[in-house]
């Protein structure tokens, strides 16, 4: 390796807003994050389900005029 071109690599802590602290190696001295695997809804199982059926119906209702125009010439 070339000398004096690589950043300093040292042990640091990642602190989450929920209070979780992780020890990792990084080039940054102190890392603070808003969300981590301990408090993220995907990992905790408290994920909200999105009503995709409602979105699809709204889309079809909005563009059904265009579908009718395409079906008539056939």
N, C-alpha and C. Protein backbone atom coordinates (compact mmCIF):
# COMPACT_ATOMS: atom_id res chain seq x y z
N UNK A 1 0.83 -1.19 0.00
CA UNK A 1 0.00 0.00 0.00
C UNK A 1 0.87 1.25 0.00
N UNK A 2 0.37 2.27 -0.64
CA UNK A 2 1.07 3.54 -0.61
C UNK A 2 0.85 4.19 0.74
N UNK A 3 1.82 4.91 1.20
CA UNK A 3 1.70 5.58 2.49
C UNK A 3 1.07 6.96 2.32
N UNK A 4 0.38 7.38 3.35
CA UNK A 4 -0.22 8.72 3.45
C UNK A 4 -1.35 9.01 2.45
N UNK A 5 -1.96 8.00 1.83
CA UNK A 5 -3.10 8.27 0.96
C UNK A 5 -4.39 7.64 1.48
N UNK A 6 -4.29 6.74 2.43
CA UNK A 6 -5.47 6.04 2.95
C UNK A 6 -5.98 6.73 4.21
N UNK A 7 -7.29 6.76 4.41
CA UNK A 7 -7.84 7.40 5.61
C UNK A 7 -7.56 6.55 6.85
N UNK A 8 -7.61 7.18 8.00
CA UNK A 8 -7.43 6.47 9.27
C UNK A 8 -8.61 5.53 9.50
N UNK A 9 -8.34 4.30 9.84
CA UNK A 9 -9.38 3.30 10.11
C UNK A 9 -9.27 2.92 11.58
N UNK A 10 -10.36 3.11 12.33
CA UNK A 10 -10.32 2.82 13.75
C UNK A 10 -11.68 2.34 14.25
N UNK A 11 -11.71 1.79 15.45
CA UNK A 11 -12.96 1.34 16.07
C UNK A 11 -13.78 2.57 16.47
N UNK A 12 -15.06 2.52 16.17
CA UNK A 12 -15.96 3.62 16.49
C UNK A 12 -17.30 3.07 16.94
N UNK A 13 -18.16 3.93 17.42
CA UNK A 13 -19.49 3.52 17.85
C UNK A 13 -20.53 4.18 16.97
N UNK A 14 -21.58 3.41 16.67
CA UNK A 14 -22.74 3.94 15.96
C UNK A 14 -23.84 4.08 16.99
N UNK A 15 -24.37 5.28 17.14
CA UNK A 15 -25.43 5.53 18.13
C UNK A 15 -26.72 5.84 17.40
N UNK A 16 -27.77 5.08 17.72
CA UNK A 16 -29.08 5.28 17.12
C UNK A 16 -29.92 6.18 18.01
N UNK A 17 -30.93 6.80 17.45
CA UNK A 17 -31.84 7.65 18.22
C UNK A 17 -32.62 6.84 19.25
N UNK A 18 -32.80 5.54 19.02
CA UNK A 18 -33.53 4.69 19.97
C UNK A 18 -32.68 4.31 21.17
N UNK A 19 -31.36 4.57 21.10
CA UNK A 19 -30.48 4.25 22.21
C UNK A 19 -29.55 3.07 21.95
N UNK A 20 -29.73 2.39 20.85
CA UNK A 20 -28.89 1.25 20.51
C UNK A 20 -27.48 1.73 20.14
N UNK A 21 -26.46 1.04 20.63
CA UNK A 21 -25.07 1.40 20.35
C UNK A 21 -24.37 0.18 19.75
N UNK A 22 -23.69 0.37 18.62
CA UNK A 22 -22.97 -0.69 17.94
C UNK A 22 -21.49 -0.32 17.84
N UNK A 23 -20.62 -1.28 18.06
CA UNK A 23 -19.18 -1.08 17.91
C UNK A 23 -18.77 -1.63 16.55
N UNK A 24 -18.19 -0.78 15.71
CA UNK A 24 -17.77 -1.19 14.37
C UNK A 24 -16.45 -0.51 14.01
N UNK A 25 -15.86 -0.94 12.92
CA UNK A 25 -14.69 -0.28 12.38
C UNK A 25 -15.11 0.67 11.28
N UNK A 26 -14.55 1.88 11.27
CA UNK A 26 -14.93 2.87 10.28
C UNK A 26 -13.84 3.91 10.12
N UNK A 27 -13.97 4.71 9.08
CA UNK A 27 -13.05 5.82 8.88
C UNK A 27 -13.56 7.08 9.57
N UNK A 28 -14.81 7.07 10.03
CA UNK A 28 -15.37 8.21 10.76
C UNK A 28 -15.26 7.94 12.26
N UNK A 29 -15.11 9.01 13.03
CA UNK A 29 -14.89 8.86 14.46
C UNK A 29 -16.19 8.59 15.21
N UNK A 30 -17.25 9.28 14.89
CA UNK A 30 -18.51 9.14 15.62
C UNK A 30 -19.65 9.15 14.63
N UNK A 31 -20.52 8.14 14.68
CA UNK A 31 -21.63 8.03 13.73
C UNK A 31 -22.93 8.01 14.51
N UNK A 32 -23.86 8.87 14.11
CA UNK A 32 -25.19 8.90 14.72
C UNK A 32 -26.22 8.69 13.62
N UNK A 33 -27.17 7.78 13.87
CA UNK A 33 -28.21 7.48 12.90
C UNK A 33 -29.58 7.63 13.54
N UNK A 34 -30.60 7.83 12.72
CA UNK A 34 -31.95 8.00 13.22
C UNK A 34 -32.67 6.67 13.42
N UNK A 35 -32.29 5.67 12.63
CA UNK A 35 -33.00 4.38 12.68
C UNK A 35 -31.99 3.26 12.46
N UNK A 36 -32.18 2.16 13.17
CA UNK A 36 -31.27 1.01 13.05
C UNK A 36 -32.10 -0.27 12.97
N UNK A 37 -31.44 -1.41 12.92
CA UNK A 37 -32.15 -2.68 12.81
C UNK A 37 -32.94 -3.01 14.07
N UNK A 38 -32.62 -2.40 15.19
CA UNK A 38 -33.35 -2.66 16.43
C UNK A 38 -34.70 -1.93 16.45
N UNK A 39 -34.81 -0.80 15.76
CA UNK A 39 -36.05 -0.02 15.81
C UNK A 39 -36.74 0.12 14.45
N UNK A 40 -36.15 -0.40 13.37
CA UNK A 40 -36.77 -0.28 12.05
C UNK A 40 -37.98 -1.21 11.96
N UNK A 41 -39.11 -0.72 11.40
CA UNK A 41 -40.33 -1.54 11.33
C UNK A 41 -40.17 -2.85 10.58
N UNK A 42 -39.31 -2.92 9.59
CA UNK A 42 -39.11 -4.16 8.85
C UNK A 42 -38.53 -5.24 9.75
N UNK A 43 -37.58 -4.89 10.59
CA UNK A 43 -36.92 -5.86 11.45
C UNK A 43 -37.71 -6.16 12.72
N UNK A 44 -38.53 -5.21 13.19
CA UNK A 44 -39.28 -5.42 14.43
C UNK A 44 -40.61 -6.14 14.19
N UNK A 45 -41.07 -6.22 12.94
CA UNK A 45 -42.33 -6.90 12.65
C UNK A 45 -43.53 -5.99 12.80
N UNK A 46 -43.33 -4.72 13.01
CA UNK A 46 -44.43 -3.77 13.16
C UNK A 46 -44.65 -2.98 11.88
N UNK A 47 -44.41 -3.63 10.77
CA UNK A 47 -44.51 -2.98 9.47
C UNK A 47 -45.97 -2.79 9.09
N UNK A 48 -46.31 -1.62 8.56
CA UNK A 48 -47.68 -1.34 8.14
C UNK A 48 -47.90 -1.91 6.74
N UNK A 49 -49.09 -2.44 6.52
CA UNK A 49 -49.44 -2.94 5.21
C UNK A 49 -50.07 -1.81 4.41
N UNK A 50 -49.65 -1.67 3.18
CA UNK A 50 -50.16 -0.61 2.32
C UNK A 50 -51.36 -1.15 1.56
N UNK A 51 -52.40 -0.35 1.44
CA UNK A 51 -53.61 -0.75 0.75
C UNK A 51 -53.38 -0.62 -0.76
N UNK A 52 -52.75 -1.62 -1.35
CA UNK A 52 -52.46 -1.55 -2.77
C UNK A 52 -53.71 -1.76 -3.61
N UNK A 53 -54.68 -2.49 -3.10
CA UNK A 53 -55.92 -2.72 -3.87
C UNK A 53 -56.63 -1.40 -4.10
N UNK A 54 -56.66 -0.54 -3.12
CA UNK A 54 -57.29 0.77 -3.28
C UNK A 54 -56.58 1.62 -4.30
N UNK A 55 -55.28 1.54 -4.33
CA UNK A 55 -54.50 2.31 -5.30
C UNK A 55 -54.75 1.82 -6.71
N UNK A 56 -54.83 0.52 -6.88
CA UNK A 56 -55.06 -0.05 -8.20
C UNK A 56 -56.44 0.34 -8.71
N UNK A 57 -57.43 0.27 -7.85
CA UNK A 57 -58.79 0.63 -8.25
C UNK A 57 -58.87 2.11 -8.63
N UNK A 58 -58.21 2.97 -7.88
CA UNK A 58 -58.20 4.39 -8.22
C UNK A 58 -57.56 4.62 -9.57
N UNK A 59 -56.47 3.91 -9.86
CA UNK A 59 -55.78 4.04 -11.14
C UNK A 59 -56.69 3.59 -12.28
N UNK A 60 -57.33 2.45 -12.12
CA UNK A 60 -58.21 1.93 -13.17
C UNK A 60 -59.39 2.87 -13.42
N UNK A 61 -59.95 3.42 -12.35
CA UNK A 61 -61.08 4.35 -12.48
C UNK A 61 -60.65 5.62 -13.21
N UNK A 62 -59.45 6.09 -12.91
CA UNK A 62 -58.94 7.32 -13.50
C UNK A 62 -58.69 7.16 -15.00
N UNK A 63 -58.20 5.98 -15.42
CA UNK A 63 -57.82 5.77 -16.81
C UNK A 63 -58.76 4.85 -17.57
N UNK A 64 -59.97 4.63 -17.07
CA UNK A 64 -60.87 3.72 -17.80
C UNK A 64 -61.37 4.35 -19.10
N UNK A 65 -61.39 5.67 -19.21
CA UNK A 65 -61.78 6.32 -20.47
C UNK A 65 -60.81 5.95 -21.59
N UNK A 66 -59.52 5.93 -21.29
CA UNK A 66 -58.52 5.61 -22.29
C UNK A 66 -58.63 4.15 -22.71
N UNK A 67 -58.97 3.26 -21.79
CA UNK A 67 -59.13 1.85 -22.11
C UNK A 67 -60.32 1.64 -23.02
N UNK A 68 -61.42 2.36 -22.79
CA UNK A 68 -62.62 2.21 -23.61
C UNK A 68 -62.35 2.67 -25.04
N UNK A 69 -61.59 3.74 -25.23
CA UNK A 69 -61.27 4.24 -26.56
C UNK A 69 -60.43 3.23 -27.34
N UNK A 70 -59.53 2.56 -26.67
CA UNK A 70 -58.67 1.58 -27.34
C UNK A 70 -59.45 0.32 -27.71
N UNK A 71 -60.46 -0.05 -26.94
CA UNK A 71 -61.23 -1.27 -27.19
C UNK A 71 -62.21 -1.11 -28.35
N UNK A 72 -62.76 0.07 -28.60
CA UNK A 72 -63.76 0.29 -29.64
C UNK A 72 -63.26 0.01 -31.05
N UNK A 73 -62.08 0.46 -31.48
CA UNK A 73 -61.64 0.21 -32.86
C UNK A 73 -61.45 -1.26 -33.19
N UNK A 74 -61.21 -2.11 -32.27
CA UNK A 74 -60.97 -3.53 -32.55
C UNK A 74 -62.23 -4.17 -32.88
